[in-house]
Amino acid sequence: MTADREQHNTRPIQPDGRLHGVIVAVRREDGRLLMIRRARHLRAGGKVCFPGGAVELDEQPELAAVREMQEEVGINVKLLKCVWEWDAPTGPLKLFGWTAEWTGGEIRPDAREVAEVLWLTPQEGTNHVDGLPTNRDFIAALAGQFP
């Protein structure tokens, strides 16, 4: 999702009445996961999470995941598998979590959306003081999912 859309609070509500979002896990050879710190002016600003964003109307979640990785961190990915789904207990948000392989491009975070790029171990990502609560469940779902 673009920072402009988030700033203006126009969210693409899907036909099921929910905002669909995607997050993507890329793992380095050393087992560390690509995570980001969200830009301060965004919703959940300053929080540590996985790159991702909103699924646009009439967009498949798979395409949104690939697009968001290019927009937020500047890399191309090949999605491997959707390993996680989460329905927010207190709002109209549904997230889909993917594993992916980094296939090209250099990490160039979009400063409008990303304050910092982090490579964290699963334990660091799970326990990060600024981590989003959903990190724990998504990281647990990643166990054994990468080749």
Protein backbone atom coordinates (compact mmCIF):
# COMPACT_ATOMS: atom_id res chain seq x y z
CA MET A 1 0.00 0.00 0.00
CA THR A 2 1.32 3.41 -0.80
CA ALA A 3 2.10 5.80 2.00
CA ASP A 4 -0.18 8.38 0.38
CA ARG A 5 -3.15 6.02 0.58
CA GLU A 6 -2.41 5.18 4.21
CA GLN A 7 -1.96 8.84 5.16
CA HIS A 8 -5.35 9.66 3.65
CA ASN A 9 -6.94 6.60 5.25
CA THR A 10 -8.51 5.30 2.03
CA ARG A 11 -8.24 1.56 2.42
CA PRO A 12 -9.22 -0.93 -0.33
CA ILE A 13 -12.07 -2.82 1.34
CA GLN A 14 -12.71 -6.13 -0.42
CA PRO A 15 -16.15 -7.50 -1.32
CA ASP A 16 -16.14 -9.54 1.92
CA GLY A 17 -16.04 -6.24 3.84
CA ARG A 18 -12.45 -6.74 5.02
CA LEU A 19 -9.13 -5.12 4.26
CA HIS A 20 -6.87 -7.84 2.87
CA GLY A 21 -3.15 -7.50 3.44
CA VAL A 22 -0.06 -9.48 2.58
CA ILE A 23 3.25 -9.94 4.34
CA VAL A 24 6.31 -11.65 2.93
CA ALA A 25 9.18 -13.51 4.56
CA VAL A 26 12.51 -13.69 2.75
CA ARG A 27 15.24 -15.71 4.45
CA ARG A 28 18.98 -15.31 3.93
CA GLU A 29 21.34 -18.29 3.83
CA ASP A 30 22.27 -17.61 7.47
CA GLY A 31 18.61 -18.03 8.50
CA ARG A 32 17.93 -14.35 9.18
CA LEU A 33 14.61 -12.90 8.02
CA LEU A 34 14.10 -9.64 6.15
CA MET A 35 12.04 -7.32 8.35
CA ILE A 36 11.42 -3.58 8.38
CA ARG A 37 10.72 -0.77 10.79
CA ARG A 38 7.72 1.15 9.53
CA ALA A 39 8.07 4.88 8.86
CA ARG A 40 6.96 6.91 11.89
CA HIS A 41 4.08 8.75 10.16
CA LEU A 42 2.28 5.54 9.13
CA ARG A 43 -0.23 3.51 11.09
CA ALA A 44 1.84 1.37 13.50
CA GLY A 45 4.72 3.75 12.81
CA GLY A 46 8.05 2.69 14.27
CA LYS A 47 6.93 -0.93 14.62
CA VAL A 48 9.04 -3.82 13.35
CA CYS A 49 7.29 -6.21 10.99
CA PHE A 50 7.57 -7.98 7.66
CA PRO A 51 7.33 -6.05 4.39
CA GLY A 52 3.86 -6.04 2.92
CA GLY A 53 0.73 -4.02 2.45
CA ALA A 54 -2.82 -3.90 1.22
CA VAL A 55 -4.29 -5.97 -1.57
CA GLU A 56 -5.87 -3.60 -4.09
CA LEU A 57 -9.42 -4.18 -5.34
CA ASP A 58 -9.45 -6.85 -8.07
CA GLU A 59 -5.83 -7.81 -7.26
CA GLN A 60 -4.80 -11.33 -6.35
CA PRO A 61 -2.93 -11.61 -3.02
CA GLU A 62 0.02 -13.23 -4.82
CA LEU A 63 0.43 -10.25 -7.12
CA ALA A 64 0.05 -7.85 -4.20
CA ALA A 65 2.84 -9.63 -2.31
CA VAL A 66 5.24 -9.34 -5.25
CA ARG A 67 4.27 -5.70 -5.85
CA GLU A 68 4.65 -4.73 -2.21
CA MET A 69 8.16 -6.19 -2.02
CA GLN A 70 9.17 -4.07 -5.02
CA GLU A 71 7.49 -0.94 -3.66
CA GLU A 72 8.67 -1.17 -0.05
CA VAL A 73 12.17 -2.62 -0.30
CA GLY A 74 13.00 -2.61 -4.02
CA ILE A 75 13.53 -6.32 -4.55
CA ASN A 76 12.03 -8.94 -6.82
CA VAL A 77 10.76 -12.13 -5.26
CA LYS A 78 9.41 -15.48 -6.30
CA LEU A 79 6.66 -16.52 -3.92
CA LEU A 80 7.06 -20.02 -2.56
CA LYS A 81 3.98 -20.68 -0.45
CA CYS A 82 1.21 -19.01 1.50
CA VAL A 83 1.88 -20.40 4.97
CA TRP A 84 -0.28 -18.22 7.21
CA GLU A 85 -3.66 -16.50 7.36
CA TRP A 86 -4.82 -14.28 10.17
CA ASP A 87 -8.14 -12.58 10.89
CA ALA A 88 -7.94 -9.59 13.23
CA PRO A 89 -10.11 -10.23 16.27
CA THR A 90 -11.05 -6.57 16.66
CA GLY A 91 -11.30 -5.19 13.14
CA PRO A 92 -11.88 -5.87 9.47
CA LEU A 93 -8.32 -6.99 8.64
CA LYS A 94 -7.30 -10.30 7.07
CA LEU A 95 -3.60 -11.01 6.46
CA PHE A 96 -1.95 -13.58 4.21
CA GLY A 97 1.68 -14.49 4.91
CA TRP A 98 4.00 -15.81 2.21
CA THR A 99 7.46 -17.30 2.02
CA ALA A 100 9.51 -16.03 -0.89
CA GLU A 101 12.88 -16.30 -2.58
CA TRP A 102 14.80 -13.09 -3.36
CA THR A 103 15.36 -13.25 -7.13
CA GLY A 104 16.83 -9.86 -7.97
CA GLY A 105 17.28 -6.21 -7.26
CA GLU A 106 19.07 -4.42 -4.46
CA ILE A 107 17.43 -3.51 -1.19
CA ARG A 108 16.36 0.10 -1.57
CA PRO A 109 13.74 0.90 1.04
CA ASP A 110 11.08 3.46 0.17
CA ALA A 111 11.61 6.12 2.86
CA ARG A 112 7.90 7.02 2.72
CA GLU A 113 7.09 3.56 4.11
CA VAL A 114 10.26 2.09 5.62
CA ALA A 115 12.43 3.69 8.29
CA GLU A 116 14.89 0.80 8.58
CA VAL A 117 15.67 -2.58 7.06
CA LEU A 118 16.56 -5.33 9.53
CA TRP A 119 17.84 -8.89 9.14
CA LEU A 120 16.69 -10.69 12.28
CA THR A 121 16.86 -14.25 13.50
CA PRO A 122 13.44 -15.81 14.06
CA GLN A 123 13.97 -15.39 17.82
CA GLU A 124 14.91 -11.72 17.45
CA GLY A 125 11.89 -11.11 15.22
CA THR A 126 9.57 -12.87 17.64
CA ASN A 127 10.83 -11.02 20.71
CA HIS A 128 11.68 -7.58 19.29
CA VAL A 129 10.58 -4.86 21.70
CA ASP A 130 9.03 -2.90 18.80
CA GLY A 131 7.60 -5.93 17.01
CA LEU A 132 3.98 -6.20 15.95
CA PRO A 133 2.06 -8.88 17.87
CA THR A 134 1.40 -10.83 14.64
CA ASN A 135 5.15 -11.42 14.13
CA ARG A 136 5.14 -14.25 16.68
CA ASP A 137 2.45 -16.32 14.92
CA PHE A 138 3.79 -15.67 11.43
CA ILE A 139 7.35 -16.61 12.43
CA ALA A 140 6.02 -19.79 14.06
CA ALA A 141 4.26 -20.63 10.76
CA LEU A 142 7.57 -20.22 8.89
CA ALA A 143 9.24 -23.11 10.72
CA GLY A 144 10.31 -25.73 8.19
CA GLN A 145 8.83 -23.81 5.25
CA PHE A 146 12.03 -22.68 3.50
CA PRO A 147 14.04 -25.08 1.33
